[in-house]
Amino acid sequence: MNIPPAGRALMVGLLAFCSLAVARDLDQDEALRLRQEGVILPLEQLLGQAMARYPGARLLEAELEEKQQKLVYEVELLTTAGVVREIKLDAATGDLLKDEEDD
């Protein structure tokens, strides 16, 4: 297959862009290691912070992800109004990154 240089450059650029946009889920062993090393805050602490935003909400899911070289806790809650909220918190600082209604 003979791809012109401009086409190759475009393909390389698209691959680089797509690789930046992909999030990687970390398993519990990685999360434990990062917690023990002091890189991230305890999940319990950040869950409390997320749950405090919606008193009475139920936890649906919580996961640690790496997005664009940043560790993020993604928490999904079911509010008492029956709305699913997606909350993203910086795993290192606890800063709120996003709080929106989930699709």
PDB file of N, CA and C in Angstrom:
ATOM      1  N   MET A   1       0.843  -1.168   0.000  1.00  0.00           N
ATOM      2  CA  MET A   1       0.000   0.000   0.000  1.00  0.00           C
ATOM      3  C   MET A   1       0.893   1.237   0.000  1.00  0.00           C
ATOM      4  N   ASN A   2       0.663   2.118  -0.938  1.00  0.00           N
ATOM      5  CA  ASN A   2       1.484   3.314  -1.094  1.00  0.00           C
ATOM      6  C   ASN A   2       0.681   4.529  -0.633  1.00  0.00           C
ATOM      7  N   ILE A   3       1.042   5.042   0.534  1.00  0.00           N
ATOM      8  CA  ILE A   3       0.340   6.201   1.099  1.00  0.00           C
ATOM      9  C   ILE A   3       1.242   7.418   0.945  1.00  0.00           C
ATOM     10  N   PRO A   4       0.714   8.490   0.365  1.00  0.00           N
ATOM     11  CA  PRO A   4       1.530   9.698   0.197  1.00  0.00           C
ATOM     12  C   PRO A   4       1.937  10.268   1.558  1.00  0.00           C
ATOM     13  N   PRO A   5       3.047  11.009   1.603  1.00  0.00           N
ATOM     14  CA  PRO A   5       3.539  11.561   2.871  1.00  0.00           C
ATOM     15  C   PRO A   5       2.491  12.365   3.639  1.00  0.00           C
ATOM     16  N   ALA A   6       1.686  13.145   2.945  1.00  0.00           N
ATOM     17  CA  ALA A   6       0.655  13.934   3.635  1.00  0.00           C
ATOM     18  C   ALA A   6      -0.360  13.012   4.307  1.00  0.00           C
ATOM     19  N   GLY A   7      -0.698  11.919   3.650  1.00  0.00           N
ATOM     20  CA  GLY A   7      -1.636  10.947   4.220  1.00  0.00           C
ATOM     21  C   GLY A   7      -1.050  10.262   5.436  1.00  0.00           C
ATOM     22  N   ARG A   8       0.240   9.934   5.365  1.00  0.00           N
ATOM     23  CA  ARG A   8       0.914   9.309   6.516  1.00  0.00           C
ATOM     24  C   ARG A   8       0.944  10.261   7.707  1.00  0.00           C
ATOM     25  N   ALA A   9       1.228  11.518   7.441  1.00  0.00           N
ATOM     26  CA  ALA A   9       1.272  12.509   8.522  1.00  0.00           C
ATOM     27  C   ALA A   9      -0.102  12.645   9.173  1.00  0.00           C
ATOM     28  N   LEU A  10      -1.142  12.639   8.353  1.00  0.00           N
ATOM     29  CA  LEU A  10      -2.501  12.729   8.886  1.00  0.00           C
ATOM     30  C   LEU A  10      -2.824  11.507   9.744  1.00  0.00           C
ATOM     31  N   MET A  11      -2.447  10.325   9.281  1.00  0.00           N
ATOM     32  CA  MET A  11      -2.710   9.098  10.038  1.00  0.00           C
ATOM     33  C   MET A  11      -1.982   9.118  11.380  1.00  0.00           C
ATOM     34  N   VAL A  12      -0.735   9.539  11.384  1.00  0.00           N
ATOM     35  CA  VAL A  12       0.038   9.606  12.626  1.00  0.00           C
ATOM     36  C   VAL A  12      -0.601  10.610  13.586  1.00  0.00           C
ATOM     37  N   GLY A  13      -1.025  11.741  13.064  1.00  0.00           N
ATOM     38  CA  GLY A  13      -1.675  12.747  13.898  1.00  0.00           C
ATOM     39  C   GLY A  13      -2.972  12.242  14.502  1.00  0.00           C
ATOM     40  N   LEU A  14      -3.769  11.547  13.707  1.00  0.00           N
ATOM     41  CA  LEU A  14      -5.027  10.995  14.219  1.00  0.00           C
ATOM     42  C   LEU A  14      -4.777   9.942  15.284  1.00  0.00           C
ATOM     43  N   LEU A  15      -3.803   9.089  15.074  1.00  0.00           N
ATOM     44  CA  LEU A  15      -3.479   8.070  16.075  1.00  0.00           C
ATOM     45  C   LEU A  15      -3.013   8.711  17.376  1.00  0.00           C
ATOM     46  N   ALA A  16      -2.202   9.733  17.280  1.00  0.00           N
ATOM     47  CA  ALA A  16      -1.720  10.414  18.485  1.00  0.00           C
ATOM     48  C   ALA A  16      -2.879  11.076  19.218  1.00  0.00           C
ATOM     49  N   PHE A  17      -3.777  11.715  18.463  1.00  0.00           N
ATOM     50  CA  PHE A  17      -4.929  12.366  19.087  1.00  0.00           C
ATOM     51  C   PHE A  17      -5.826  11.346  19.773  1.00  0.00           C
ATOM     52  N   CYS A  18      -6.102  10.244  19.102  1.00  0.00           N
ATOM     53  CA  CYS A  18      -6.974   9.210  19.678  1.00  0.00           C
ATOM     54  C   CYS A  18      -6.360   8.601  20.931  1.00  0.00           C
ATOM     55  N   SER A  19      -5.066   8.419  20.954  1.00  0.00           N
ATOM     56  CA  SER A  19      -4.435   7.825  22.131  1.00  0.00           C
ATOM     57  C   SER A  19      -4.512   8.769  23.330  1.00  0.00           C
ATOM     58  N   LEU A  20      -4.540  10.071  23.098  1.00  0.00           N
ATOM     59  CA  LEU A  20      -4.668  11.030  24.194  1.00  0.00           C
ATOM     60  C   LEU A  20      -6.075  11.034  24.775  1.00  0.00           C
ATOM     61  N   ALA A  21      -7.066  10.769  23.943  1.00  0.00           N
ATOM     62  CA  ALA A  21      -8.452  10.849  24.378  1.00  0.00           C
ATOM     63  C   ALA A  21      -8.914   9.603  25.129  1.00  0.00           C
ATOM     64  N   VAL A  22      -8.154   8.536  25.068  1.00  0.00           N
ATOM     65  CA  VAL A  22      -8.565   7.278  25.680  1.00  0.00           C
ATOM     66  C   VAL A  22      -8.226   7.268  27.166  1.00  0.00           C
ATOM     67  N   ALA A  23      -9.192   6.856  27.966  1.00  0.00           N
ATOM     68  CA  ALA A  23      -8.974   6.709  29.407  1.00  0.00           C
ATOM     69  C   ALA A  23      -8.599   5.268  29.696  1.00  0.00           C
ATOM     70  N   ARG A  24      -7.775   5.093  30.703  1.00  0.00           N
ATOM     71  CA  ARG A  24      -7.364   3.748  31.109  1.00  0.00           C
ATOM     72  C   ARG A  24      -7.864   3.510  32.519  1.00  0.00           C
ATOM     73  N   ASP A  25      -8.641   2.424  32.690  1.00  0.00           N
ATOM     74  CA  ASP A  25      -9.101   2.043  34.024  1.00  0.00           C
ATOM     75  C   ASP A  25      -7.964   1.363  34.760  1.00  0.00           C
ATOM     76  N   LEU A  26      -7.761   1.744  36.006  1.00  0.00           N
ATOM     77  CA  LEU A  26      -6.725   1.122  36.826  1.00  0.00           C
ATOM     78  C   LEU A  26      -7.366   0.042  37.686  1.00  0.00           C
ATOM     79  N   ASP A  27      -6.670  -1.071  37.856  1.00  0.00           N
ATOM     80  CA  ASP A  27      -7.224  -2.142  38.683  1.00  0.00           C
ATOM     81  C   ASP A  27      -6.951  -1.848  40.155  1.00  0.00           C
ATOM     82  N   GLN A  28      -7.537  -2.669  41.026  1.00  0.00           N
ATOM     83  CA  GLN A  28      -7.439  -2.371  42.457  1.00  0.00           C
ATOM     84  C   GLN A  28      -6.021  -2.517  42.990  1.00  0.00           C
ATOM     85  N   ASP A  29      -5.190  -3.354  42.383  1.00  0.00           N
ATOM     86  CA  ASP A  29      -3.796  -3.462  42.819  1.00  0.00           C
ATOM     87  C   ASP A  29      -3.037  -2.169  42.538  1.00  0.00           C
ATOM     88  N   GLU A  30      -3.274  -1.597  41.344  1.00  0.00           N
ATOM     89  CA  GLU A  30      -2.631  -0.321  41.009  1.00  0.00           C
ATOM     90  C   GLU A  30      -3.129   0.785  41.938  1.00  0.00           C
ATOM     91  N   ALA A  31      -4.431   0.800  42.192  1.00  0.00           N
ATOM     92  CA  ALA A  31      -5.005   1.821  43.071  1.00  0.00           C
ATOM     93  C   ALA A  31      -4.434   1.706  44.482  1.00  0.00           C
ATOM     94  N   LEU A  32      -4.306   0.486  44.986  1.00  0.00           N
ATOM     95  CA  LEU A  32      -3.751   0.278  46.324  1.00  0.00           C
ATOM     96  C   LEU A  32      -2.306   0.765  46.389  1.00  0.00           C
ATOM     97  N   ARG A  33      -1.522   0.436  45.368  1.00  0.00           N
ATOM     98  CA  ARG A  33      -0.125   0.870  45.333  1.00  0.00           C
ATOM     99  C   ARG A  33      -0.031   2.394  45.322  1.00  0.00           C
ATOM    100  N   LEU A  34      -0.845   3.041  44.489  1.00  0.00           N
ATOM    101  CA  LEU A  34      -0.828   4.507  44.410  1.00  0.00           C
ATOM    102  C   LEU A  34      -1.257   5.140  45.726  1.00  0.00           C
ATOM    103  N   ARG A  35      -2.228   4.526  46.399  1.00  0.00           N
ATOM    104  CA  ARG A  35      -2.687   5.033  47.702  1.00  0.00           C
ATOM    105  C   ARG A  35      -1.586   4.893  48.745  1.00  0.00           C
ATOM    106  N   GLN A  36      -0.934   3.726  48.772  1.00  0.00           N
ATOM    107  CA  GLN A  36       0.133   3.485  49.742  1.00  0.00           C
ATOM    108  C   GLN A  36       1.323   4.405  49.512  1.00  0.00           C
ATOM    109  N   GLU A  37       1.554   4.775  48.259  1.00  0.00           N
ATOM    110  CA  GLU A  37       2.654   5.688  47.931  1.00  0.00           C
ATOM    111  C   GLU A  37       2.274   7.148  48.174  1.00  0.00           C
ATOM    112  N   GLY A  38       1.017   7.401  48.522  1.00  0.00           N
ATOM    113  CA  GLY A  38       0.569   8.767  48.773  1.00  0.00           C
ATOM    114  C   GLY A  38       0.291   9.566  47.516  1.00  0.00           C
ATOM    115  N   VAL A  39       0.179   8.886  46.385  1.00  0.00           N
ATOM    116  CA  VAL A  39      -0.071   9.571  45.117  1.00  0.00           C
ATOM    117  C   VAL A  39      -1.533   9.999  45.008  1.00  0.00           C
ATOM    118  N   ILE A  40      -2.443   9.172  45.523  1.00  0.00           N
ATOM    119  CA  ILE A  40      -3.871   9.480  45.461  1.00  0.00           C
ATOM    120  C   ILE A  40      -4.475   9.469  46.865  1.00  0.00           C
ATOM    121  N   LEU A  41      -5.599  10.131  46.999  1.00  0.00           N
ATOM    122  CA  LEU A  41      -6.341  10.154  48.258  1.00  0.00           C
ATOM    123  C   LEU A  41      -7.156   8.866  48.394  1.00  0.00           C
ATOM    124  N   PRO A  42      -7.547   8.522  49.620  1.00  0.00           N
ATOM    125  CA  PRO A  42      -8.367   7.322  49.809  1.00  0.00           C
ATOM    126  C   PRO A  42      -9.724   7.466  49.108  1.00  0.00           C
ATOM    127  N   LEU A  43     -10.157   6.395  48.485  1.00  0.00           N
ATOM    128  CA  LEU A  43     -11.452   6.394  47.810  1.00  0.00           C
ATOM    129  C   LEU A  43     -12.569   6.760  48.784  1.00  0.00           C
ATOM    130  N   GLU A  44     -12.505   6.257  50.011  1.00  0.00           N
ATOM    131  CA  GLU A  44     -13.551   6.535  50.997  1.00  0.00           C
ATOM    132  C   GLU A  44     -13.726   8.037  51.217  1.00  0.00           C
ATOM    133  N   GLN A  45     -12.617   8.756  51.259  1.00  0.00           N
ATOM    134  CA  GLN A  45     -12.664  10.204  51.464  1.00  0.00           C
ATOM    135  C   GLN A  45     -13.382  10.891  50.308  1.00  0.00           C
ATOM    136  N   LEU A  46     -13.041  10.495  49.087  1.00  0.00           N
ATOM    137  CA  LEU A  46     -13.640  11.145  47.927  1.00  0.00           C
ATOM    138  C   LEU A  46     -15.077  10.692  47.704  1.00  0.00           C
ATOM    139  N   LEU A  47     -15.394   9.453  48.087  1.00  0.00           N
ATOM    140  CA  LEU A  47     -16.789   9.015  48.012  1.00  0.00           C
ATOM    141  C   LEU A  47     -17.647   9.844  48.960  1.00  0.00           C
ATOM    142  N   GLY A  48     -17.134  10.097  50.153  1.00  0.00           N
ATOM    143  CA  GLY A  48     -17.858  10.936  51.107  1.00  0.00           C
ATOM    144  C   GLY A  48     -18.112  12.320  50.546  1.00  0.00           C
ATOM    145  N   GLN A  49     -17.114  12.860  49.872  1.00  0.00           N
ATOM    146  CA  GLN A  49     -17.236  14.180  49.249  1.00  0.00           C
ATOM    147  C   GLN A  49     -18.311  14.156  48.158  1.00  0.00           C
ATOM    148  N   ALA A  50     -18.306  13.117  47.333  1.00  0.00           N
ATOM    149  CA  ALA A  50     -19.292  13.006  46.250  1.00  0.00           C
ATOM    150  C   ALA A  50     -20.696  12.811  46.807  1.00  0.00           C
ATOM    151  N   MET A  51     -20.828  11.932  47.802  1.00  0.00           N
ATOM    152  CA  MET A  51     -22.143  11.636  48.383  1.00  0.00           C
ATOM    153  C   MET A  51     -22.719  12.862  49.106  1.00  0.00           C
ATOM    154  N   ALA A  52     -21.858  13.699  49.659  1.00  0.00           N
ATOM    155  CA  ALA A  52     -22.318  14.904  50.357  1.00  0.00           C
ATOM    156  C   ALA A  52     -23.001  15.882  49.399  1.00  0.00           C
ATOM    157  N   ARG A  53     -22.676  15.806  48.130  1.00  0.00           N
ATOM    158  CA  ARG A  53     -23.303  16.682  47.136  1.00  0.00           C
ATOM    159  C   ARG A  53     -24.774  16.321  46.924  1.00  0.00           C
ATOM    160  N   TYR A  54     -25.114  15.037  47.155  1.00  0.00           N
ATOM    161  CA  TYR A  54     -26.475  14.538  46.924  1.00  0.00           C
ATOM    162  C   TYR A  54     -26.900  13.658  48.095  1.00  0.00           C
ATOM    163  N   PRO A  55     -27.304  14.268  49.212  1.00  0.00           N
ATOM    164  CA  PRO A  55     -27.702  13.492  50.391  1.00  0.00           C
ATOM    165  C   PRO A  55     -28.780  12.454  50.040  1.00  0.00           C
ATOM    166  N   GLY A  56     -28.590  11.251  50.549  1.00  0.00           N
ATOM    167  CA  GLY A  56     -29.536  10.171  50.300  1.00  0.00           C
ATOM    168  C   GLY A  56     -29.299   9.416  49.005  1.00  0.00           C
ATOM    169  N   ALA A  57     -28.327   9.853  48.200  1.00  0.00           N
ATOM    170  CA  ALA A  57     -28.043   9.182  46.923  1.00  0.00           C
ATOM    171  C   ALA A  57     -27.438   7.804  47.178  1.00  0.00           C
ATOM    172  N   ARG A  58     -27.586   6.933  46.179  1.00  0.00           N
ATOM    173  CA  ARG A  58     -26.988   5.593  46.245  1.00  0.00           C
ATOM    174  C   ARG A  58     -25.820   5.520  45.273  1.00  0.00           C
ATOM    175  N   LEU A  59     -24.768   4.874  45.722  1.00  0.00           N
ATOM    176  CA  LEU A  59     -23.587   4.684  44.882  1.00  0.00           C
ATOM    177  C   LEU A  59     -23.870   3.600  43.854  1.00  0.00           C
ATOM    178  N   LEU A  60     -23.669   3.915  42.580  1.00  0.00           N
ATOM    179  CA  LEU A  60     -23.830   2.934  41.512  1.00  0.00           C
ATOM    180  C   LEU A  60     -22.490   2.354  41.081  1.00  0.00           C
ATOM    181  N   GLU A  61     -21.481   3.228  40.989  1.00  0.00           N
ATOM    182  CA  GLU A  61     -20.178   2.781  40.495  1.00  0.00           C
ATOM    183  C   GLU A  61     -19.110   3.788  40.891  1.00  0.00           C
ATOM    184  N   ALA A  62     -17.923   3.278  41.144  1.00  0.00           N
ATOM    185  CA  ALA A  62     -16.762   4.137  41.391  1.00  0.00           C
ATOM    186  C   ALA A  62     -15.558   3.459  40.770  1.00  0.00           C
ATOM    187  N   GLU A  63     -14.795   4.213  40.001  1.00  0.00           N
ATOM    188  CA  GLU A  63     -13.596   3.642  39.391  1.00  0.00           C
ATOM    189  C   GLU A  63     -12.505   4.692  39.291  1.00  0.00           C
ATOM    190  N   LEU A  64     -11.285   4.193  39.297  1.00  0.00           N
ATOM    191  CA  LEU A  64     -10.118   5.053  39.149  1.00  0.00           C
ATOM    192  C   LEU A  64      -9.643   4.946  37.715  1.00  0.00           C
ATOM    193  N   GLU A  65      -9.501   6.093  37.064  1.00  0.00           N
ATOM    194  CA  GLU A  65      -9.066   6.135  35.673  1.00  0.00           C
ATOM    195  C   GLU A  65      -7.858   7.045  35.530  1.00  0.00           C
ATOM    196  N   GLU A  66      -7.101   6.783  34.493  1.00  0.00           N
ATOM    197  CA  GLU A  66      -6.016   7.688  34.109  1.00  0.00           C
ATOM    198  C   GLU A  66      -6.420   8.315  32.789  1.00  0.00           C
ATOM    199  N   LYS A  67      -6.575   9.646  32.800  1.00  0.00           N
ATOM    200  CA  LYS A  67      -6.963  10.383  31.603  1.00  0.00           C
ATOM    201  C   LYS A  67      -5.947  11.484  31.372  1.00  0.00           C
ATOM    202  N   GLN A  68      -5.324  11.457  30.227  1.00  0.00           N
ATOM    203  CA  GLN A  68      -4.338  12.475  29.863  1.00  0.00           C
ATOM    204  C   GLN A  68      -3.329  12.679  30.985  1.00  0.00           C
ATOM    205  N   GLN A  69      -2.795  11.583  31.492  1.00  0.00           N
ATOM    206  CA  GLN A  69      -1.772  11.555  32.537  1.00  0.00           C
ATOM    207  C   GLN A  69      -2.262  12.148  33.856  1.00  0.00           C
ATOM    208  N   LYS A  70      -3.579  12.112  34.094  1.00  0.00           N
ATOM    209  CA  LYS A  70      -4.162  12.590  35.345  1.00  0.00           C
ATOM    210  C   LYS A  70      -5.007  11.460  35.925  1.00  0.00           C
ATOM    211  N   LEU A  71      -4.871  11.227  37.230  1.00  0.00           N
ATOM    212  CA  LEU A  71      -5.644  10.184  37.899  1.00  0.00           C
ATOM    213  C   LEU A  71      -6.963  10.779  38.380  1.00  0.00           C
ATOM    214  N   VAL A  72      -8.058  10.139  37.985  1.00  0.00           N
ATOM    215  CA  VAL A  72      -9.398  10.663  38.229  1.00  0.00           C
ATOM    216  C   VAL A  72     -10.289   9.557  38.786  1.00  0.00           C
ATOM    217  N   TYR A  73     -11.006   9.876  39.864  1.00  0.00           N
ATOM    218  CA  TYR A  73     -12.061   8.983  40.342  1.00  0.00           C
ATOM    219  C   TYR A  73     -13.343   9.386  39.625  1.00  0.00           C
ATOM    220  N   GLU A  74     -13.981   8.423  38.978  1.00  0.00           N
ATOM    221  CA  GLU A  74     -15.278   8.649  38.351  1.00  0.00           C
ATOM    222  C   GLU A  74     -16.322   7.945  39.206  1.00  0.00           C
ATOM    223  N   VAL A  75     -17.279   8.702  39.707  1.00  0.00           N
ATOM    224  CA  VAL A  75     -18.297   8.185  40.620  1.00  0.00           C
ATOM    225  C   VAL A  75     -19.665   8.410  39.992  1.00  0.00           C
ATOM    226  N   GLU A  76     -20.489   7.362  39.969  1.00  0.00           N
ATOM    227  CA  GLU A  76     -21.865   7.488  39.496  1.00  0.00           C
ATOM    228  C   GLU A  76     -22.800   7.284  40.678  1.00  0.00           C
ATOM    229  N   LEU A  77     -23.710   8.236  40.846  1.00  0.00           N
ATOM    230  CA  LEU A  77     -24.676   8.199  41.940  1.00  0.00           C
ATOM    231  C   LEU A  77     -26.094   8.235  41.382  1.00  0.00           C
ATOM    232  N   LEU A  78     -27.001   7.555  42.080  1.00  0.00           N
ATOM    233  CA  LEU A  78     -28.425   7.656  41.785  1.00  0.00           C
ATOM    234  C   LEU A  78     -29.031   8.529  42.871  1.00  0.00           C
ATOM    235  N   THR A  79     -29.502   9.709  42.480  1.00  0.00           N
ATOM    236  CA  THR A  79     -30.042  10.651  43.461  1.00  0.00           C
ATOM    237  C   THR A  79     -31.432  10.213  43.918  1.00  0.00           C
ATOM    238  N   THR A  80     -31.910  10.838  44.980  1.00  0.00           N
ATOM    239  CA  THR A  80     -33.250  10.527  45.483  1.00  0.00           C
ATOM    240  C   THR A  80     -34.330  10.916  44.473  1.00  0.00           C
ATOM    241  N   ALA A  81     -33.990  11.784  43.527  1.00  0.00           N
ATOM    242  CA  ALA A  81     -34.924  12.182  42.467  1.00  0.00           C
ATOM    243  C   ALA A  81     -34.902  11.201  41.297  1.00  0.00           C
ATOM    244  N   GLY A  82     -34.058  10.153  41.395  1.00  0.00           N
ATOM    245  CA  GLY A  82     -33.982   9.156  40.333  1.00  0.00           C
ATOM    246  C   GLY A  82     -33.075   9.543  39.181  1.00  0.00           C
ATOM    247  N   VAL A  83     -32.226  10.527  39.387  1.00  0.00           N
ATOM    248  CA  VAL A  83     -31.303  11.005  38.355  1.00  0.00           C
ATOM    249  C   VAL A  83     -29.919  10.418  38.613  1.00  0.00           C
ATOM    250  N   VAL A  84     -29.286   9.924  37.545  1.00  0.00           N
ATOM    251  CA  VAL A  84     -27.918   9.414  37.661  1.00  0.00           C
ATOM    252  C   VAL A  84     -26.961  10.574  37.413  1.00  0.00           C
ATOM    253  N   ARG A  85     -26.064  10.801  38.373  1.00  0.00           N
ATOM    254  CA  ARG A  85     -25.060  11.856  38.271  1.00  0.00           C
ATOM    255  C   ARG A  85     -23.691  11.229  38.081  1.00  0.00           C
ATOM    256  N   GLU A  86     -22.903  11.812  37.197  1.00  0.00           N
ATOM    257  CA  GLU A  86     -21.511  11.396  37.002  1.00  0.00           C
ATOM    258  C   GLU A  86     -20.633  12.493  37.589  1.00  0.00           C
ATOM    259  N   ILE A  87     -19.849  12.103  38.583  1.00  0.00           N
ATOM    260  CA  ILE A  87     -18.976  13.049  39.270  1.00  0.00           C
ATOM    261  C   ILE A  87     -17.541  12.601  39.053  1.00  0.00           C
ATOM    262  N   LYS A  88     -16.696  13.533  38.638  1.00  0.00           N
ATOM    263  CA  LYS A  88     -15.277  13.228  38.460  1.00  0.00           C
ATOM    264  C   LYS A  88     -14.478  14.082  39.427  1.00  0.00           C
ATOM    265  N   LEU A  89     -13.596  13.409  40.159  1.00  0.00           N
ATOM    266  CA  LEU A  89     -12.765  14.065  41.163  1.00  0.00           C
ATOM    267  C   LEU A  89     -11.299  13.766  40.890  1.00  0.00           C
ATOM    268  N   ASP A  90     -10.463  14.776  41.030  1.00  0.00           N
ATOM    269  CA  ASP A  90      -9.022  14.577  40.909  1.00  0.00           C
ATOM    270  C   ASP A  90      -8.594  13.662  42.055  1.00  0.00           C
ATOM    271  N   ALA A  91      -8.018  12.518  41.727  1.00  0.00           N
ATOM    272  CA  ALA A  91      -7.675  11.520  42.746  1.00  0.00           C
ATOM    273  C   ALA A  91      -6.538  11.981  43.651  1.00  0.00           C
ATOM    274  N   ALA A  92      -5.724  12.905  43.191  1.00  0.00           N
ATOM    275  CA  ALA A  92      -4.587  13.373  43.989  1.00  0.00           C
ATOM    276  C   ALA A  92      -4.972  14.505  44.938  1.00  0.00           C
ATOM    277  N   THR A  93      -5.891  15.375  44.496  1.00  0.00           N
ATOM    278  CA  THR A  93      -6.214  16.570  45.281  1.00  0.00           C
ATOM    279  C   THR A  93      -7.632  16.575  45.847  1.00  0.00           C
ATOM    280  N   GLY A  94      -8.519  15.792  45.254  1.00  0.00           N
ATOM    281  CA  GLY A  94      -9.921  15.799  45.652  1.00  0.00           C
ATOM    282  C   GLY A  94     -10.732  16.889  44.976  1.00  0.00           C
ATOM    283  N   ASP A  95     -10.104  17.678  44.114  1.00  0.00           N
ATOM    284  CA  ASP A  95     -10.820  18.756  43.425  1.00  0.00           C
ATOM    285  C   ASP A  95     -11.922  18.187  42.533  1.00  0.00           C
ATOM    286  N   LEU A  96     -13.072  18.862  42.525  1.00  0.00           N
ATOM    287  CA  LEU A  96     -14.175  18.488  41.654  1.00  0.00           C
ATOM    288  C   LEU A  96     -13.830  18.892  40.226  1.00  0.00           C
ATOM    289  N   LEU A  97     -13.865  17.928  39.321  1.00  0.00           N
ATOM    290  CA  LEU A  97     -13.566  18.197  37.917  1.00  0.00           C
ATOM    291  C   LEU A  97     -14.838  18.297  37.082  1.00  0.00           C
ATOM    292  N   LYS A  98     -15.840  17.487  37.461  1.00  0.00           N
ATOM    293  CA  LYS A  98     -17.081  17.480  36.689  1.00  0.00           C
ATOM    294  C   LYS A  98     -18.200  16.917  37.550  1.00  0.00           C
ATOM    295  N   ASP A  99     -19.385  17.463  37.382  1.00  0.00           N
ATOM    296  CA  ASP A  99     -20.600  16.944  38.016  1.00  0.00           C
ATOM    297  C   ASP A  99     -21.718  17.205  37.026  1.00  0.00           C
ATOM    298  N   GLU A 100     -22.178  16.137  36.370  1.00  0.00           N
ATOM    299  CA  GLU A 100     -23.221  16.311  35.370  1.00  0.00           C
ATOM    300  C   GLU A 100     -24.164  15.121  35.367  1.00  0.00           C
ATOM    301  N   GLU A 101     -25.334  15.333  34.788  1.00  0.00           N
ATOM    302  CA  GLU A 101     -26.294  14.255  34.639  1.00  0.00           C
ATOM    303  C   GLU A 101     -25.737  13.262  33.631  1.00  0.00           C
ATOM    304  N   ASP A 102     -25.776  11.972  33.990  1.00  0.00           N
ATOM    305  CA  ASP A 102     -25.258  10.933  33.104  1.00  0.00           C
ATOM    306  C   ASP A 102     -26.295  10.618  32.038  1.00  0.00           C
ATOM    307  N   ASP A 103     -25.811  10.264  30.861  1.00  0.00           N
ATOM    308  CA  ASP A 103     -26.704   9.936  29.738  1.00  0.00           C
ATOM    309  C   ASP A 103     -27.424   8.639  29.989  1.00  0.00           C
TER     310      ASP A 103
END
